[in-house]
């Protein structure tokens, strides 16, 4: 239903209706549709009636929705604080195109500032702002830089990651996640942006991925071919596998006192 009816971000009317209709009939769940000032956002709560941690699943892509929910107070953390896009070599240099276009005709350009971590990003933004200010001063132009939302780097929680890996390997022996090796050393550290990074700065979090075969000649999810691949039987089976592994993580967090201490 959802895959056959693609919708733009924050306008997911069909997806919202489909998912809330499914959860509405489930015993023990408290449903809050269209919540926190976002028509497409919804919250489903299940109370175990016992003391312990609260686990939330934050699912959204493309519009920094998790940041908006965080700012709206939908997500709060009470406890102890925990300590350019992927595959850039395959991209085309937009800066070259922008400079060429600007030399050919006067045009407005958008610039993206990226860094490996949030602290470095803040320092880099200061330097970039100074560059624009210098240009404005030198040309007697007026500089206006409205604030924009930035994506923070992701702070992984090793405990949650280890628990997820254990359940994932139990469910999928042919696709084992290495137990002792550094995944970043094997596959390379991704620099893809995600608003889950902002969530990880506010509370302990886990950002699990789903491996879906993209089809011949395609690398990565941001293309039309991958949209079709996401609707295949293989993608559905793998999505269920990830959901089951996340459910196992949730049960461990709720049932094992002190797991995250």
Protein backbone atom coordinates (compact mmCIF):
# COMPACT_ATOMS: atom_id res chain seq x y z
CA UNK A 1 0.00 0.00 0.00
CA UNK A 2 2.66 2.54 1.03
CA UNK A 3 5.14 1.63 -1.71
CA UNK A 4 2.41 1.75 -4.36
CA UNK A 5 1.37 5.24 -3.24
CA UNK A 6 4.53 7.39 -2.93
CA UNK A 7 4.02 10.70 -1.13
CA UNK A 8 6.16 13.77 -0.53
CA UNK A 9 7.67 14.40 2.88
CA UNK A 10 5.28 15.67 5.55
CA UNK A 11 2.37 14.99 3.17
CA UNK A 12 2.12 11.23 3.75
CA UNK A 13 -1.67 11.10 4.05
CA UNK A 14 -2.10 7.54 2.77
CA UNK A 15 0.84 6.21 4.79
CA UNK A 16 -0.44 7.93 7.94
CA UNK A 17 -3.93 6.48 7.47
CA UNK A 18 -2.61 2.98 6.67
CA UNK A 19 -0.29 2.74 9.66
CA UNK A 20 -2.60 4.35 12.22
CA UNK A 21 -5.50 2.17 11.06
CA UNK A 22 -3.34 -0.90 11.60
CA UNK A 23 -2.29 0.06 15.13
CA UNK A 24 -5.69 1.42 16.18
CA UNK A 25 -7.17 -2.05 16.61
CA UNK A 26 -4.28 -3.45 18.64
CA UNK A 27 -5.02 -4.05 22.32
CA UNK A 28 -2.92 -2.12 24.83
CA UNK A 29 -1.75 0.59 22.45
CA UNK A 30 -2.48 4.30 22.89
CA UNK A 31 -2.58 6.06 19.52
CA UNK A 32 -2.01 9.78 18.89
CA UNK A 33 -2.46 10.57 15.17
CA UNK A 34 -1.31 13.85 13.58
CA UNK A 35 0.64 14.90 16.64
CA UNK A 36 3.28 17.47 17.65
CA UNK A 37 2.20 19.96 15.02
CA UNK A 38 2.86 17.60 12.12
CA UNK A 39 -0.08 16.16 10.21
CA UNK A 40 1.87 13.11 9.08
CA UNK A 41 3.40 12.38 12.50
CA UNK A 42 1.85 9.83 14.82
CA UNK A 43 2.77 8.21 18.11
CA UNK A 44 1.78 4.77 19.38
CA UNK A 45 2.54 4.00 23.03
CA UNK A 46 2.45 0.67 24.83
CA UNK A 47 2.71 0.80 28.62
CA UNK A 48 4.30 -2.24 30.27
CA UNK A 49 3.06 -0.97 33.66
CA UNK A 50 6.49 -1.46 35.17
CA UNK A 51 9.41 0.81 35.85
CA UNK A 52 12.15 0.84 33.29
CA UNK A 53 13.46 2.54 30.16
CA UNK A 54 11.31 3.96 27.40
CA UNK A 55 12.08 2.81 23.87
CA UNK A 56 11.02 4.83 20.83
CA UNK A 57 11.21 4.07 17.11
CA UNK A 58 11.77 7.19 15.02
CA UNK A 59 11.14 6.63 11.33
CA UNK A 60 11.33 9.46 8.79
CA UNK A 61 13.52 10.33 5.86
CA UNK A 62 14.24 13.46 3.92
CA UNK A 63 12.87 16.40 5.88
CA UNK A 64 14.70 16.36 9.24
CA UNK A 65 11.44 15.25 10.82
CA UNK A 66 13.18 13.69 13.80
CA UNK A 67 14.79 17.05 14.55
CA UNK A 68 11.38 18.74 14.39
CA UNK A 69 9.96 16.13 16.78
CA UNK A 70 12.93 16.62 19.09
CA UNK A 71 12.39 20.38 19.11
CA UNK A 72 8.65 19.91 19.68
CA UNK A 73 9.33 17.91 22.84
CA UNK A 74 8.09 14.61 21.46
CA UNK A 75 11.36 12.98 22.47
CA UNK A 76 12.96 13.55 25.84
CA UNK A 77 15.83 11.85 27.60
CA UNK A 78 16.08 11.63 31.36
CA UNK A 79 19.29 9.98 32.45
CA UNK A 80 23.06 9.96 32.06
CA UNK A 81 24.52 11.46 28.89
CA UNK A 82 26.47 9.11 26.63
CA UNK A 83 29.56 10.01 25.26
CA UNK A 84 29.56 15.12 1.76
CA UNK A 85 27.28 12.34 1.24
CA UNK A 86 28.25 8.69 0.89
CA UNK A 87 30.51 7.64 -2.03
CA UNK A 88 31.62 11.20 -2.92
CA UNK A 89 34.02 9.92 -5.60
CA UNK A 90 30.99 8.98 -7.70
CA UNK A 91 29.54 12.45 -7.66
CA UNK A 92 29.81 15.32 -10.11
CA UNK A 93 31.49 18.47 -8.78
CA UNK A 94 28.58 20.85 -8.34
CA UNK A 95 31.00 23.66 -7.42
CA UNK A 96 32.56 23.55 -10.88
CA UNK A 97 29.11 23.70 -12.44
CA UNK A 98 28.06 26.53 -10.12
CA UNK A 99 31.11 28.65 -10.91
CA UNK A 100 30.68 28.06 -14.64
CA UNK A 101 27.02 28.96 -14.46
CA UNK A 102 27.74 32.08 -12.40
CA UNK A 103 30.37 33.25 -14.89
CA UNK A 104 27.89 32.70 -17.71
CA UNK A 105 24.94 34.38 -16.07
CA UNK A 106 24.16 35.87 -12.69
CA UNK A 107 22.54 33.15 -10.61
CA UNK A 108 21.86 32.33 -6.99
CA UNK A 109 23.81 29.41 -5.54
CA UNK A 110 23.24 27.14 -2.58
CA UNK A 111 26.24 25.95 -0.58
CA UNK A 112 26.49 22.96 1.75
CA UNK A 113 28.98 22.84 4.63
CA UNK A 114 30.02 19.37 5.79
CA UNK A 115 32.30 18.07 8.54
CA UNK A 116 33.03 14.73 10.20
CA UNK A 117 31.57 15.77 13.58
CA UNK A 118 29.26 18.42 15.02
CA UNK A 119 32.05 20.28 16.84
CA UNK A 120 34.08 20.57 13.65
CA UNK A 121 30.99 21.66 11.74
CA UNK A 122 30.38 24.58 14.09
CA UNK A 123 33.96 25.78 13.66
CA UNK A 124 33.79 25.35 9.90
CA UNK A 125 30.50 27.29 9.71
CA UNK A 126 32.20 30.23 11.43
CA UNK A 127 34.94 30.23 8.80
CA UNK A 128 32.45 29.92 5.94
CA UNK A 129 30.33 32.73 7.38
CA UNK A 130 33.46 34.88 7.55
CA UNK A 131 34.19 34.16 3.88
CA UNK A 132 30.73 35.31 2.84
CA UNK A 133 31.01 38.36 5.08
CA UNK A 134 34.35 39.22 3.49
CA UNK A 135 32.76 39.02 0.05
CA UNK A 136 29.91 41.26 1.12
CA UNK A 137 32.28 43.79 2.67
CA UNK A 138 34.54 43.87 -0.37
CA UNK A 139 31.65 44.47 -2.76
CA UNK A 140 29.50 46.67 -0.49
CA UNK A 141 26.77 44.05 -0.80
CA UNK A 142 24.26 43.18 1.90
CA UNK A 143 24.69 39.72 3.40
CA UNK A 144 21.66 37.91 4.76
CA UNK A 145 22.13 34.38 6.10
CA UNK A 146 18.95 32.94 7.62
CA UNK A 147 19.52 30.15 10.15
CA UNK A 148 19.20 26.64 8.77
CA UNK A 149 18.89 23.25 10.44
CA UNK A 150 22.07 21.17 10.46
CA UNK A 151 22.39 17.40 10.72
CA UNK A 152 24.70 16.24 13.51
CA UNK A 153 27.05 13.28 13.15
CA UNK A 154 25.80 10.00 14.58
CA UNK A 155 27.10 8.89 18.01
CA UNK A 156 26.77 5.08 18.06
CA UNK A 157 25.85 3.21 21.23
CA UNK A 158 28.04 0.11 21.31
CA UNK A 159 25.77 -1.82 23.69
CA UNK A 160 22.69 -1.39 21.52
CA UNK A 161 24.78 -2.16 18.45
CA UNK A 162 26.10 -5.40 19.94
CA UNK A 163 22.61 -6.54 20.97
CA UNK A 164 21.24 -5.75 17.52
CA UNK A 165 24.10 -7.60 15.84
CA UNK A 166 23.42 -10.70 17.97
CA UNK A 167 19.74 -10.81 17.00
CA UNK A 168 20.47 -9.99 13.37
CA UNK A 169 22.99 -12.82 13.09
CA UNK A 170 20.53 -15.24 14.71
CA UNK A 171 17.88 -14.34 12.13
CA UNK A 172 20.14 -14.24 9.07
CA UNK A 173 23.04 -16.74 9.11
CA UNK A 174 23.85 -16.14 5.41
CA UNK A 175 24.39 -12.41 6.05
CA UNK A 176 26.36 -12.29 9.29
CA UNK A 177 27.56 -9.01 10.76
CA UNK A 178 31.20 -9.58 11.89
CA UNK A 179 31.47 -9.96 15.65
CA UNK A 180 34.94 -8.67 16.40
CA UNK A 181 36.02 -6.68 13.36
CA UNK A 182 35.65 -2.94 12.94
CA UNK A 183 32.87 -2.51 10.38
CA UNK A 184 34.21 0.92 9.41
CA UNK A 185 37.56 -0.68 8.57
CA UNK A 186 35.86 -3.30 6.39
CA UNK A 187 33.23 -1.26 4.58
CA UNK A 188 34.44 2.29 5.03
CA UNK A 189 32.86 4.92 7.25
CA UNK A 190 29.79 6.50 5.69
CA UNK A 191 29.44 10.27 5.59
CA UNK A 192 25.78 10.19 4.59
CA UNK A 193 23.65 12.71 6.49
CA UNK A 194 20.82 11.67 8.80
CA UNK A 195 18.78 13.48 11.42
CA UNK A 196 19.22 10.39 13.58
CA UNK A 197 22.55 12.01 14.45
CA UNK A 198 20.69 14.79 16.27
CA UNK A 199 18.69 12.16 18.16
CA UNK A 200 21.92 10.39 19.18
CA UNK A 201 23.19 13.61 20.79
CA UNK A 202 20.00 13.82 22.88
CA UNK A 203 19.60 10.17 23.94
CA UNK A 204 21.00 6.67 23.50
CA UNK A 205 20.08 5.46 20.04
CA UNK A 206 20.56 2.78 17.41
CA UNK A 207 20.54 3.39 13.66
CA UNK A 208 20.16 0.05 11.91
CA UNK A 209 20.30 -0.27 8.14
CA UNK A 210 18.47 -2.53 5.71
CA UNK A 211 20.47 -4.08 2.89
CA UNK A 212 18.27 -4.15 -0.22
CA UNK A 213 19.72 -5.25 -3.59
CA UNK A 214 19.45 -2.09 -5.73
CA UNK A 215 19.52 -3.83 -9.09
CA UNK A 216 22.20 -4.07 -11.80
CA UNK A 217 24.51 -1.10 -12.21
CA UNK A 218 23.04 0.84 -9.29
CA UNK A 219 24.91 1.87 -6.14
CA UNK A 220 22.98 3.43 -3.27
CA UNK A 221 19.36 4.30 -2.60
CA UNK A 222 18.90 7.74 -4.17
CA UNK A 223 17.73 6.78 -7.65
CA UNK A 224 14.54 5.59 -9.41
CA UNK A 225 15.80 2.01 -9.74
CA UNK A 226 16.12 1.67 -5.99
CA UNK A 227 12.55 2.90 -5.53
CA UNK A 228 11.42 -0.15 -7.48
CA UNK A 229 13.81 -2.44 -5.60
CA UNK A 230 12.29 -1.31 -2.28
CA UNK A 231 8.96 -2.82 -3.33
CA UNK A 232 10.27 -6.31 -4.07
CA UNK A 233 9.67 -9.48 -2.06
CA UNK A 234 13.34 -9.59 -1.10
CA UNK A 235 13.14 -6.07 0.34
CA UNK A 236 10.00 -6.97 2.30
CA UNK A 237 11.59 -10.10 3.79
CA UNK A 238 14.73 -8.21 4.79
CA UNK A 239 12.69 -5.38 6.30
CA UNK A 240 10.82 -7.89 8.47
CA UNK A 241 14.15 -9.37 9.55
CA UNK A 242 15.42 -5.96 10.67
CA UNK A 243 12.11 -5.25 12.46
CA UNK A 244 12.42 -8.54 14.36
CA UNK A 245 16.01 -7.75 15.36
CA UNK A 246 14.95 -4.30 16.59
CA UNK A 247 12.15 -5.94 18.56
CA UNK A 248 14.73 -8.19 20.21
CA UNK A 249 16.79 -5.13 21.16
CA UNK A 250 13.68 -3.52 22.65
CA UNK A 251 12.89 -6.58 24.75
CA UNK A 252 16.45 -6.73 26.10
CA UNK A 253 16.44 -3.03 26.99
CA UNK A 254 13.13 -3.32 28.81
CA UNK A 255 13.76 -6.69 30.49
CA UNK A 256 17.44 -6.43 31.47
CA UNK A 257 17.93 -3.91 34.24
CA UNK A 258 21.09 -1.88 33.88
CA UNK A 259 21.81 -2.97 30.31
CA UNK A 260 22.60 0.58 29.23
CA UNK A 261 24.28 1.76 32.42
